[in-house]
Amino acid sequence: MRLLHLSLLIVLLTNCERSPKTFFEDLPYSKTRITFKNRLEESEQFNVLNYGYFYNGGGVAAGDINNDGLTDIYFTGNLVASHLYLNEGEWKFKNIAKEAGVEAAG
């Protein structure tokens, strides 16, 4: 009986889960300066019944647009203007969509 208890104790202790490793971290505006929100406003004419893809997001792309080795981000909006964020280092971004000529209207 003692052997059974000891075996169960060993199994329980060795199978205890550690905290899972976090791959992503939610960074606040105060750190990133990213303000993009893909806001959708329904109306009688413009809604999910008339447009089956109403709630599908516009999209996001990440890449290095100025070859500085930092990842820049481009958000496309459905009903809002698109934003192109230039990474200035340390995860701080600046919206340069207007200057770059890619501020597509939503």
PDB file of N, CA and C in Angstrom:
ATOM      1  N   MET A   1       0.822  -1.198   0.000  1.00  0.00           N
ATOM      2  CA  MET A   1       0.000   0.000   0.000  1.00  0.00           C
ATOM      3  C   MET A   1       0.867   1.263   0.000  1.00  0.00           C
ATOM      4  N   ARG A   2       1.953   1.227   0.784  1.00  0.00           N
ATOM      5  CA  ARG A   2       2.865   2.370   0.816  1.00  0.00           C
ATOM      6  C   ARG A   2       3.481   2.608  -0.556  1.00  0.00           C
ATOM      7  N   LEU A   3       3.791   1.527  -1.241  1.00  0.00           N
ATOM      8  CA  LEU A   3       4.385   1.634  -2.572  1.00  0.00           C
ATOM      9  C   LEU A   3       3.403   2.297  -3.539  1.00  0.00           C
ATOM     10  N   LEU A   4       2.139   1.968  -3.415  1.00  0.00           N
ATOM     11  CA  LEU A   4       1.110   2.580  -4.264  1.00  0.00           C
ATOM     12  C   LEU A   4       1.005   4.080  -3.988  1.00  0.00           C
ATOM     13  N   HIS A   5       0.982   4.457  -2.712  1.00  0.00           N
ATOM     14  CA  HIS A   5       0.903   5.869  -2.343  1.00  0.00           C
ATOM     15  C   HIS A   5       2.131   6.632  -2.829  1.00  0.00           C
ATOM     16  N   LEU A   6       3.294   6.032  -2.654  1.00  0.00           N
ATOM     17  CA  LEU A   6       4.529   6.665  -3.103  1.00  0.00           C
ATOM     18  C   LEU A   6       4.534   6.817  -4.619  1.00  0.00           C
ATOM     19  N   SER A   7       4.074   5.799  -5.324  1.00  0.00           N
ATOM     20  CA  SER A   7       4.014   5.859  -6.791  1.00  0.00           C
ATOM     21  C   SER A   7       3.061   6.957  -7.249  1.00  0.00           C
ATOM     22  N   LEU A   8       1.899   7.047  -6.624  1.00  0.00           N
ATOM     23  CA  LEU A   8       0.935   8.093  -6.972  1.00  0.00           C
ATOM     24  C   LEU A   8       1.494   9.487  -6.693  1.00  0.00           C
ATOM     25  N   LEU A   9       2.189   9.638  -5.578  1.00  0.00           N
ATOM     26  CA  LEU A   9       2.782  10.919  -5.236  1.00  0.00           C
ATOM     27  C   LEU A   9       3.832  11.325  -6.271  1.00  0.00           C
ATOM     28  N   ILE A  10       4.655  10.392  -6.675  1.00  0.00           N
ATOM     29  CA  ILE A  10       5.686  10.676  -7.682  1.00  0.00           C
ATOM     30  C   ILE A  10       5.043  11.066  -9.007  1.00  0.00           C
ATOM     31  N   VAL A  11       4.005  10.339  -9.416  1.00  0.00           N
ATOM     32  CA  VAL A  11       3.315  10.646 -10.672  1.00  0.00           C
ATOM     33  C   VAL A  11       2.691  12.032 -10.612  1.00  0.00           C
ATOM     34  N   LEU A  12       2.049  12.364  -9.506  1.00  0.00           N
ATOM     35  CA  LEU A  12       1.417  13.676  -9.370  1.00  0.00           C
ATOM     36  C   LEU A  12       2.438  14.808  -9.389  1.00  0.00           C
ATOM     37  N   LEU A  13       3.547  14.627  -8.710  1.00  0.00           N
ATOM     38  CA  LEU A  13       4.557  15.681  -8.655  1.00  0.00           C
ATOM     39  C   LEU A  13       5.276  15.875  -9.982  1.00  0.00           C
ATOM     40  N   THR A  14       5.502  14.802 -10.708  1.00  0.00           N
ATOM     41  CA  THR A  14       6.216  14.935 -11.983  1.00  0.00           C
ATOM     42  C   THR A  14       5.311  15.444 -13.095  1.00  0.00           C
ATOM     43  N   ASN A  15       4.010  15.352 -12.921  1.00  0.00           N
ATOM     44  CA  ASN A  15       3.088  15.807 -13.956  1.00  0.00           C
ATOM     45  C   ASN A  15       2.514  17.192 -13.690  1.00  0.00           C
ATOM     46  N   CYS A  16       3.001  17.860 -12.663  1.00  0.00           N
ATOM     47  CA  CYS A  16       2.534  19.217 -12.392  1.00  0.00           C
ATOM     48  C   CYS A  16       2.987  20.120 -13.525  1.00  0.00           C
ATOM     49  N   GLU A  17       2.056  20.886 -14.055  1.00  0.00           N
ATOM     50  CA  GLU A  17       2.384  21.790 -15.163  1.00  0.00           C
ATOM     51  C   GLU A  17       3.029  23.055 -14.641  1.00  0.00           C
ATOM     52  N   ARG A  18       4.029  23.482 -15.363  1.00  0.00           N
ATOM     53  CA  ARG A  18       4.617  24.785 -15.089  1.00  0.00           C
ATOM     54  C   ARG A  18       3.826  25.803 -15.895  1.00  0.00           C
ATOM     55  N   SER A  19       4.017  27.056 -15.575  1.00  0.00           N
ATOM     56  CA  SER A  19       3.333  28.100 -16.339  1.00  0.00           C
ATOM     57  C   SER A  19       3.759  28.008 -17.797  1.00  0.00           C
ATOM     58  N   PRO A  20       2.799  28.081 -18.723  1.00  0.00           N
ATOM     59  CA  PRO A  20       3.167  28.000 -20.138  1.00  0.00           C
ATOM     60  C   PRO A  20       3.997  29.215 -20.550  1.00  0.00           C
ATOM     61  N   LYS A  21       4.908  28.995 -21.478  1.00  0.00           N
ATOM     62  CA  LYS A  21       5.752  30.077 -21.969  1.00  0.00           C
ATOM     63  C   LYS A  21       4.894  31.018 -22.814  1.00  0.00           C
ATOM     64  N   THR A  22       5.003  32.299 -22.556  1.00  0.00           N
ATOM     65  CA  THR A  22       4.237  33.298 -23.288  1.00  0.00           C
ATOM     66  C   THR A  22       4.976  33.681 -24.560  1.00  0.00           C
ATOM     67  N   PHE A  23       4.277  33.596 -25.691  1.00  0.00           N
ATOM     68  CA  PHE A  23       4.884  33.944 -26.963  1.00  0.00           C
ATOM     69  C   PHE A  23       4.570  35.381 -27.372  1.00  0.00           C
ATOM     70  N   PHE A  24       3.456  35.909 -26.888  1.00  0.00           N
ATOM     71  CA  PHE A  24       3.053  37.268 -27.233  1.00  0.00           C
ATOM     72  C   PHE A  24       2.781  38.049 -25.958  1.00  0.00           C
ATOM     73  N   GLU A  25       3.014  39.338 -26.028  1.00  0.00           N
ATOM     74  CA  GLU A  25       2.761  40.212 -24.898  1.00  0.00           C
ATOM     75  C   GLU A  25       1.944  41.399 -25.393  1.00  0.00           C
ATOM     76  N   ASP A  26       0.889  41.739 -24.671  1.00  0.00           N
ATOM     77  CA  ASP A  26       0.047  42.876 -25.026  1.00  0.00           C
ATOM     78  C   ASP A  26       0.759  44.153 -24.587  1.00  0.00           C
ATOM     79  N   LEU A  27       1.164  44.961 -25.561  1.00  0.00           N
ATOM     80  CA  LEU A  27       1.879  46.199 -25.256  1.00  0.00           C
ATOM     81  C   LEU A  27       0.913  47.378 -25.317  1.00  0.00           C
ATOM     82  N   PRO A  28       0.919  48.256 -24.317  1.00  0.00           N
ATOM     83  CA  PRO A  28      -0.018  49.384 -24.284  1.00  0.00           C
ATOM     84  C   PRO A  28       0.387  50.494 -25.254  1.00  0.00           C
ATOM     85  N   TYR A  29      -0.566  51.369 -25.569  1.00  0.00           N
ATOM     86  CA  TYR A  29      -0.320  52.530 -26.431  1.00  0.00           C
ATOM     87  C   TYR A  29       0.839  53.372 -25.912  1.00  0.00           C
ATOM     88  N   SER A  30       0.928  53.520 -24.595  1.00  0.00           N
ATOM     89  CA  SER A  30       1.977  54.364 -24.018  1.00  0.00           C
ATOM     90  C   SER A  30       3.374  53.867 -24.384  1.00  0.00           C
ATOM     91  N   LYS A  31       3.495  52.594 -24.706  1.00  0.00           N
ATOM     92  CA  LYS A  31       4.790  52.044 -25.113  1.00  0.00           C
ATOM     93  C   LYS A  31       4.947  52.063 -26.632  1.00  0.00           C
ATOM     94  N   THR A  32       3.903  51.700 -27.378  1.00  0.00           N
ATOM     95  CA  THR A  32       4.026  51.521 -28.832  1.00  0.00           C
ATOM     96  C   THR A  32       3.597  52.729 -29.652  1.00  0.00           C
ATOM     97  N   ARG A  33       2.668  53.519 -29.144  1.00  0.00           N
ATOM     98  CA  ARG A  33       2.061  54.655 -29.859  1.00  0.00           C
ATOM     99  C   ARG A  33       1.232  54.200 -31.066  1.00  0.00           C
ATOM    100  N   ILE A  34       0.757  52.968 -31.041  1.00  0.00           N
ATOM    101  CA  ILE A  34      -0.124  52.466 -32.104  1.00  0.00           C
ATOM    102  C   ILE A  34      -1.565  52.747 -31.696  1.00  0.00           C
ATOM    103  N   THR A  35      -2.295  53.461 -32.565  1.00  0.00           N
ATOM    104  CA  THR A  35      -3.665  53.866 -32.242  1.00  0.00           C
ATOM    105  C   THR A  35      -4.706  53.234 -33.149  1.00  0.00           C
ATOM    106  N   PHE A  36      -4.310  52.417 -34.107  1.00  0.00           N
ATOM    107  CA  PHE A  36      -5.243  51.881 -35.098  1.00  0.00           C
ATOM    108  C   PHE A  36      -6.327  51.026 -34.450  1.00  0.00           C
ATOM    109  N   LYS A  37      -7.573  51.278 -34.835  1.00  0.00           N
ATOM    110  CA  LYS A  37      -8.719  50.447 -34.447  1.00  0.00           C
ATOM    111  C   LYS A  37      -9.606  50.321 -35.669  1.00  0.00           C
ATOM    112  N   ASN A  38      -9.926  49.121 -36.049  1.00  0.00           N
ATOM    113  CA  ASN A  38     -10.778  48.874 -37.213  1.00  0.00           C
ATOM    114  C   ASN A  38     -12.238  48.917 -36.762  1.00  0.00           C
ATOM    115  N   ARG A  39     -12.761  50.123 -36.578  1.00  0.00           N
ATOM    116  CA  ARG A  39     -14.132  50.300 -36.084  1.00  0.00           C
ATOM    117  C   ARG A  39     -15.141  50.044 -37.200  1.00  0.00           C
ATOM    118  N   LEU A  40     -16.178  49.307 -36.864  1.00  0.00           N
ATOM    119  CA  LEU A  40     -17.253  49.015 -37.811  1.00  0.00           C
ATOM    120  C   LEU A  40     -18.552  49.579 -37.257  1.00  0.00           C
ATOM    121  N   GLU A  41     -19.252  50.344 -38.068  1.00  0.00           N
ATOM    122  CA  GLU A  41     -20.547  50.884 -37.661  1.00  0.00           C
ATOM    123  C   GLU A  41     -21.613  50.335 -38.597  1.00  0.00           C
ATOM    124  N   GLU A  42     -22.516  49.570 -38.019  1.00  0.00           N
ATOM    125  CA  GLU A  42     -23.597  48.984 -38.811  1.00  0.00           C
ATOM    126  C   GLU A  42     -24.654  50.034 -39.124  1.00  0.00           C
ATOM    127  N   SER A  43     -25.300  49.844 -40.256  1.00  0.00           N
ATOM    128  CA  SER A  43     -26.441  50.678 -40.617  1.00  0.00           C
ATOM    129  C   SER A  43     -27.473  49.763 -41.265  1.00  0.00           C
ATOM    130  N   GLU A  44     -28.603  50.344 -41.624  1.00  0.00           N
ATOM    131  CA  GLU A  44     -29.640  49.541 -42.268  1.00  0.00           C
ATOM    132  C   GLU A  44     -29.161  48.980 -43.605  1.00  0.00           C
ATOM    133  N   GLN A  45     -28.358  49.748 -44.305  1.00  0.00           N
ATOM    134  CA  GLN A  45     -27.864  49.308 -45.610  1.00  0.00           C
ATOM    135  C   GLN A  45     -26.556  48.525 -45.508  1.00  0.00           C
ATOM    136  N   PHE A  46     -25.745  48.843 -44.526  1.00  0.00           N
ATOM    137  CA  PHE A  46     -24.414  48.242 -44.427  1.00  0.00           C
ATOM    138  C   PHE A  46     -24.326  47.397 -43.162  1.00  0.00           C
ATOM    139  N   ASN A  47     -24.560  46.093 -43.307  1.00  0.00           N
ATOM    140  CA  ASN A  47     -24.553  45.189 -42.163  1.00  0.00           C
ATOM    141  C   ASN A  47     -24.211  43.776 -42.631  1.00  0.00           C
ATOM    142  N   VAL A  48     -24.135  42.857 -41.696  1.00  0.00           N
ATOM    143  CA  VAL A  48     -23.723  41.487 -42.013  1.00  0.00           C
ATOM    144  C   VAL A  48     -24.760  40.756 -42.872  1.00  0.00           C
ATOM    145  N   LEU A  49     -26.014  41.190 -42.846  1.00  0.00           N
ATOM    146  CA  LEU A  49     -27.030  40.542 -43.679  1.00  0.00           C
ATOM    147  C   LEU A  49     -26.841  40.888 -45.157  1.00  0.00           C
ATOM    148  N   ASN A  50     -26.427  42.116 -45.431  1.00  0.00           N
ATOM    149  CA  ASN A  50     -26.194  42.538 -46.814  1.00  0.00           C
ATOM    150  C   ASN A  50     -24.782  42.231 -47.296  1.00  0.00           C
ATOM    151  N   TYR A  51     -23.829  42.214 -46.370  1.00  0.00           N
ATOM    152  CA  TYR A  51     -22.420  41.956 -46.694  1.00  0.00           C
ATOM    153  C   TYR A  51     -21.930  40.827 -45.793  1.00  0.00           C
ATOM    154  N   GLY A  52     -21.850  39.645 -46.337  1.00  0.00           N
ATOM    155  CA  GLY A  52     -21.472  38.458 -45.558  1.00  0.00           C
ATOM    156  C   GLY A  52     -20.109  38.549 -44.900  1.00  0.00           C
ATOM    157  N   TYR A  53     -19.232  39.371 -45.445  1.00  0.00           N
ATOM    158  CA  TYR A  53     -17.879  39.494 -44.899  1.00  0.00           C
ATOM    159  C   TYR A  53     -17.704  40.765 -44.068  1.00  0.00           C
ATOM    160  N   PHE A  54     -18.803  41.301 -43.580  1.00  0.00           N
ATOM    161  CA  PHE A  54     -18.787  42.567 -42.849  1.00  0.00           C
ATOM    162  C   PHE A  54     -17.798  42.565 -41.686  1.00  0.00           C
ATOM    163  N   TYR A  55     -17.735  41.469 -40.940  1.00  0.00           N
ATOM    164  CA  TYR A  55     -16.888  41.421 -39.751  1.00  0.00           C
ATOM    165  C   TYR A  55     -15.486  40.896 -40.022  1.00  0.00           C
ATOM    166  N   ASN A  56     -15.158  40.582 -41.262  1.00  0.00           N
ATOM    167  CA  ASN A  56     -13.788  40.175 -41.573  1.00  0.00           C
ATOM    168  C   ASN A  56     -12.894  41.404 -41.511  1.00  0.00           C
ATOM    169  N   GLY A  57     -11.747  41.262 -40.901  1.00  0.00           N
ATOM    170  CA  GLY A  57     -10.815  42.379 -40.774  1.00  0.00           C
ATOM    171  C   GLY A  57     -10.199  42.759 -42.100  1.00  0.00           C
ATOM    172  N   GLY A  58      -9.704  43.978 -42.172  1.00  0.00           N
ATOM    173  CA  GLY A  58      -9.045  44.442 -43.380  1.00  0.00           C
ATOM    174  C   GLY A  58      -7.728  43.735 -43.604  1.00  0.00           C
ATOM    175  N   GLY A  59      -6.950  43.566 -42.569  1.00  0.00           N
ATOM    176  CA  GLY A  59      -5.682  42.870 -42.676  1.00  0.00           C
ATOM    177  C   GLY A  59      -4.546  43.642 -42.030  1.00  0.00           C
ATOM    178  N   VAL A  60      -3.439  42.945 -41.870  1.00  0.00           N
ATOM    179  CA  VAL A  60      -2.233  43.535 -41.300  1.00  0.00           C
ATOM    180  C   VAL A  60      -1.027  42.913 -41.989  1.00  0.00           C
ATOM    181  N   ALA A  61      -0.008  43.719 -42.203  1.00  0.00           N
ATOM    182  CA  ALA A  61       1.238  43.222 -42.803  1.00  0.00           C
ATOM    183  C   ALA A  61       2.399  43.730 -41.962  1.00  0.00           C
ATOM    184  N   ALA A  62       3.419  42.911 -41.832  1.00  0.00           N
ATOM    185  CA  ALA A  62       4.617  43.293 -41.090  1.00  0.00           C
ATOM    186  C   ALA A  62       5.835  43.057 -41.965  1.00  0.00           C
ATOM    187  N   GLY A  63       6.700  44.038 -42.025  1.00  0.00           N
ATOM    188  CA  GLY A  63       7.917  43.924 -42.816  1.00  0.00           C
ATOM    189  C   GLY A  63       8.789  45.152 -42.592  1.00  0.00           C
ATOM    190  N   ASP A  64       9.967  45.132 -43.156  1.00  0.00           N
ATOM    191  CA  ASP A  64      10.917  46.228 -43.004  1.00  0.00           C
ATOM    192  C   ASP A  64      10.870  47.100 -44.252  1.00  0.00           C
ATOM    193  N   ILE A  65      10.115  48.199 -44.209  1.00  0.00           N
ATOM    194  CA  ILE A  65       9.916  49.004 -45.422  1.00  0.00           C
ATOM    195  C   ILE A  65      11.072  49.951 -45.729  1.00  0.00           C
ATOM    196  N   ASN A  66      11.913  50.248 -44.743  1.00  0.00           N
ATOM    197  CA  ASN A  66      13.012  51.192 -44.980  1.00  0.00           C
ATOM    198  C   ASN A  66      14.396  50.569 -44.763  1.00  0.00           C
ATOM    199  N   ASN A  67      14.446  49.253 -44.690  1.00  0.00           N
ATOM    200  CA  ASN A  67      15.714  48.508 -44.567  1.00  0.00           C
ATOM    201  C   ASN A  67      16.576  48.936 -43.381  1.00  0.00           C
ATOM    202  N   ASP A  68      15.935  49.238 -42.250  1.00  0.00           N
ATOM    203  CA  ASP A  68      16.703  49.581 -41.055  1.00  0.00           C
ATOM    204  C   ASP A  68      16.832  48.397 -40.099  1.00  0.00           C
ATOM    205  N   GLY A  69      16.282  47.249 -40.502  1.00  0.00           N
ATOM    206  CA  GLY A  69      16.365  46.050 -39.676  1.00  0.00           C
ATOM    207  C   GLY A  69      15.261  45.931 -38.643  1.00  0.00           C
ATOM    208  N   LEU A  70      14.327  46.880 -38.617  1.00  0.00           N
ATOM    209  CA  LEU A  70      13.218  46.861 -37.658  1.00  0.00           C
ATOM    210  C   LEU A  70      11.919  46.547 -38.388  1.00  0.00           C
ATOM    211  N   THR A  71      11.034  45.820 -37.728  1.00  0.00           N
ATOM    212  CA  THR A  71       9.767  45.422 -38.329  1.00  0.00           C
ATOM    213  C   THR A  71       8.760  46.564 -38.264  1.00  0.00           C
ATOM    214  N   ASP A  72       8.282  46.989 -39.422  1.00  0.00           N
ATOM    215  CA  ASP A  72       7.257  48.019 -39.534  1.00  0.00           C
ATOM    216  C   ASP A  72       5.911  47.330 -39.748  1.00  0.00           C
ATOM    217  N   ILE A  73       4.804  48.037 -39.449  1.00  0.00           N
ATOM    218  CA  ILE A  73       3.477  47.414 -39.490  1.00  0.00           C
ATOM    219  C   ILE A  73       2.516  48.258 -40.322  1.00  0.00           C
ATOM    220  N   TYR A  74       1.730  47.582 -41.175  1.00  0.00           N
ATOM    221  CA  TYR A  74       0.703  48.250 -41.982  1.00  0.00           C
ATOM    222  C   TYR A  74      -0.651  47.624 -41.664  1.00  0.00           C
ATOM    223  N   PHE A  75      -1.580  48.431 -41.154  1.00  0.00           N
ATOM    224  CA  PHE A  75      -2.937  47.992 -40.845  1.00  0.00           C
ATOM    225  C   PHE A  75      -3.877  48.532 -41.915  1.00  0.00           C
ATOM    226  N   THR A  76      -4.731  47.672 -42.458  1.00  0.00           N
ATOM    227  CA  THR A  76      -5.740  48.142 -43.407  1.00  0.00           C
ATOM    228  C   THR A  76      -7.099  48.121 -42.726  1.00  0.00           C
ATOM    229  N   GLY A  77      -7.882  49.159 -42.956  1.00  0.00           N
ATOM    230  CA  GLY A  77      -9.178  49.276 -42.318  1.00  0.00           C
ATOM    231  C   GLY A  77     -10.318  49.026 -43.275  1.00  0.00           C
ATOM    232  N   ASN A  78     -11.437  48.576 -42.729  1.00  0.00           N
ATOM    233  CA  ASN A  78     -12.645  48.395 -43.529  1.00  0.00           C
ATOM    234  C   ASN A  78     -13.347  49.733 -43.731  1.00  0.00           C
ATOM    235  N   LEU A  79     -13.676  50.396 -42.639  1.00  0.00           N
ATOM    236  CA  LEU A  79     -14.403  51.667 -42.687  1.00  0.00           C
ATOM    237  C   LEU A  79     -13.573  52.817 -42.133  1.00  0.00           C
ATOM    238  N   VAL A  80     -12.323  52.562 -41.832  1.00  0.00           N
ATOM    239  CA  VAL A  80     -11.418  53.589 -41.309  1.00  0.00           C
ATOM    240  C   VAL A  80     -10.175  53.638 -42.192  1.00  0.00           C
ATOM    241  N   ALA A  81      -9.428  54.721 -42.087  1.00  0.00           N
ATOM    242  CA  ALA A  81      -8.205  54.867 -42.881  1.00  0.00           C
ATOM    243  C   ALA A  81      -7.158  53.842 -42.461  1.00  0.00           C
ATOM    244  N   SER A  82      -6.349  53.420 -43.420  1.00  0.00           N
ATOM    245  CA  SER A  82      -5.253  52.498 -43.139  1.00  0.00           C
ATOM    246  C   SER A  82      -4.111  53.256 -42.467  1.00  0.00           C
ATOM    247  N   HIS A  83      -3.319  52.546 -41.667  1.00  0.00           N
ATOM    248  CA  HIS A  83      -2.193  53.149 -40.960  1.00  0.00           C
ATOM    249  C   HIS A  83      -0.920  52.381 -41.277  1.00  0.00           C
ATOM    250  N   LEU A  84       0.148  53.106 -41.576  1.00  0.00           N
ATOM    251  CA  LEU A  84       1.474  52.515 -41.766  1.00  0.00           C
ATOM    252  C   LEU A  84       2.357  53.018 -40.634  1.00  0.00           C
ATOM    253  N   TYR A  85       2.822  52.091 -39.804  1.00  0.00           N
ATOM    254  CA  TYR A  85       3.629  52.457 -38.644  1.00  0.00           C
ATOM    255  C   TYR A  85       5.090  52.107 -38.879  1.00  0.00           C
ATOM    256  N   LEU A  86       5.943  53.116 -38.788  1.00  0.00           N
ATOM    257  CA  LEU A  86       7.382  52.948 -38.912  1.00  0.00           C
ATOM    258  C   LEU A  86       7.951  52.660 -37.527  1.00  0.00           C
ATOM    259  N   ASN A  87       8.688  51.571 -37.406  1.00  0.00           N
ATOM    260  CA  ASN A  87       9.294  51.190 -36.135  1.00  0.00           C
ATOM    261  C   ASN A  87      10.523  52.064 -35.901  1.00  0.00           C
ATOM    262  N   GLU A  88      10.491  52.851 -34.823  1.00  0.00           N
ATOM    263  CA  GLU A  88      11.597  53.747 -34.490  1.00  0.00           C
ATOM    264  C   GLU A  88      12.553  53.137 -33.481  1.00  0.00           C
ATOM    265  N   GLY A  89      12.348  51.879 -33.151  1.00  0.00           N
ATOM    266  CA  GLY A  89      13.192  51.190 -32.175  1.00  0.00           C
ATOM    267  C   GLY A  89      12.507  51.062 -30.837  1.00  0.00           C
ATOM    268  N   GLU A  90      12.899  50.044 -30.095  1.00  0.00           N
ATOM    269  CA  GLU A  90      12.336  49.754 -28.778  1.00  0.00           C
ATOM    270  C   GLU A  90      10.815  49.673 -28.814  1.00  0.00           C
ATOM    271  N   TRP A  91      10.266  49.147 -29.891  1.00  0.00           N
ATOM    272  CA  TRP A  91       8.827  48.939 -30.107  1.00  0.00           C
ATOM    273  C   TRP A  91       8.021  50.229 -30.026  1.00  0.00           C
ATOM    274  N   LYS A  92       8.627  51.345 -30.431  1.00  0.00           N
ATOM    275  CA  LYS A  92       7.906  52.616 -30.562  1.00  0.00           C
ATOM    276  C   LYS A  92       7.698  52.867 -32.049  1.00  0.00           C
ATOM    277  N   PHE A  93       6.455  53.220 -32.405  1.00  0.00           N
ATOM    278  CA  PHE A  93       6.076  53.362 -33.805  1.00  0.00           C
ATOM    279  C   PHE A  93       5.557  54.761 -34.095  1.00  0.00           C
ATOM    280  N   LYS A  94       5.681  55.169 -35.364  1.00  0.00           N
ATOM    281  CA  LYS A  94       5.157  56.454 -35.825  1.00  0.00           C
ATOM    282  C   LYS A  94       4.310  56.191 -37.062  1.00  0.00           C
ATOM    283  N   ASN A  95       3.088  56.736 -37.081  1.00  0.00           N
ATOM    284  CA  ASN A  95       2.197  56.563 -38.227  1.00  0.00           C
ATOM    285  C   ASN A  95       2.665  57.471 -39.363  1.00  0.00           C
ATOM    286  N   ILE A  96       3.110  56.863 -40.468  1.00  0.00           N
ATOM    287  CA  ILE A  96       3.612  57.629 -41.616  1.00  0.00           C
ATOM    288  C   ILE A  96       2.765  57.382 -42.864  1.00  0.00           C
ATOM    289  N   ALA A  97       1.540  56.913 -42.690  1.00  0.00           N
ATOM    290  CA  ALA A  97       0.693  56.559 -43.836  1.00  0.00           C
ATOM    291  C   ALA A  97       0.470  57.746 -44.768  1.00  0.00           C
ATOM    292  N   LYS A  98       0.180  58.903 -44.215  1.00  0.00           N
ATOM    293  CA  LYS A  98      -0.090  60.086 -45.046  1.00  0.00           C
ATOM    294  C   LYS A  98       1.160  60.487 -45.830  1.00  0.00           C
ATOM    295  N   GLU A  99       2.313  60.553 -45.147  1.00  0.00           N
ATOM    296  CA  GLU A  99       3.562  60.930 -45.809  1.00  0.00           C
ATOM    297  C   GLU A  99       3.955  59.929 -46.894  1.00  0.00           C
ATOM    298  N   ALA A 100       3.656  58.648 -46.650  1.00  0.00           N
ATOM    299  CA  ALA A 100       4.017  57.593 -47.602  1.00  0.00           C
ATOM    300  C   ALA A 100       2.995  57.452 -48.726  1.00  0.00           C
ATOM    301  N   GLY A 101       1.853  58.141 -48.605  1.00  0.00           N
ATOM    302  CA  GLY A 101       0.818  58.079 -49.637  1.00  0.00           C
ATOM    303  C   GLY A 101       0.017  56.789 -49.639  1.00  0.00           C
ATOM    304  N   VAL A 102      -0.080  56.139 -48.480  1.00  0.00           N
ATOM    305  CA  VAL A 102      -0.816  54.868 -48.403  1.00  0.00           C
ATOM    306  C   VAL A 102      -1.963  54.921 -47.397  1.00  0.00           C
ATOM    307  N   GLU A 103      -2.416  56.116 -47.050  1.00  0.00           N
ATOM    308  CA  GLU A 103      -3.511  56.260 -46.092  1.00  0.00           C
ATOM    309  C   GLU A 103      -4.837  56.079 -46.821  1.00  0.00           C
ATOM    310  N   ALA A 104      -5.107  54.851 -47.226  1.00  0.00           N
ATOM    311  CA  ALA A 104      -6.336  54.553 -47.962  1.00  0.00           C
ATOM    312  C   ALA A 104      -7.542  54.803 -47.074  1.00  0.00           C
ATOM    313  N   ALA A 105      -8.550  55.449 -47.618  1.00  0.00           N
ATOM    314  CA  ALA A 105      -9.781  55.698 -46.865  1.00  0.00           C
ATOM    315  C   ALA A 105     -10.510  54.390 -46.650  1.00  0.00           C
ATOM    316  N   GLY A 106     -11.232  54.303 -45.533  1.00  0.00           N
ATOM    317  CA  GLY A 106     -11.944  53.079 -45.205  1.00  0.00           C
ATOM    318  C   GLY A 106     -13.178  52.855 -46.011  1.00  0.00           C
TER     319      GLY A 106
END
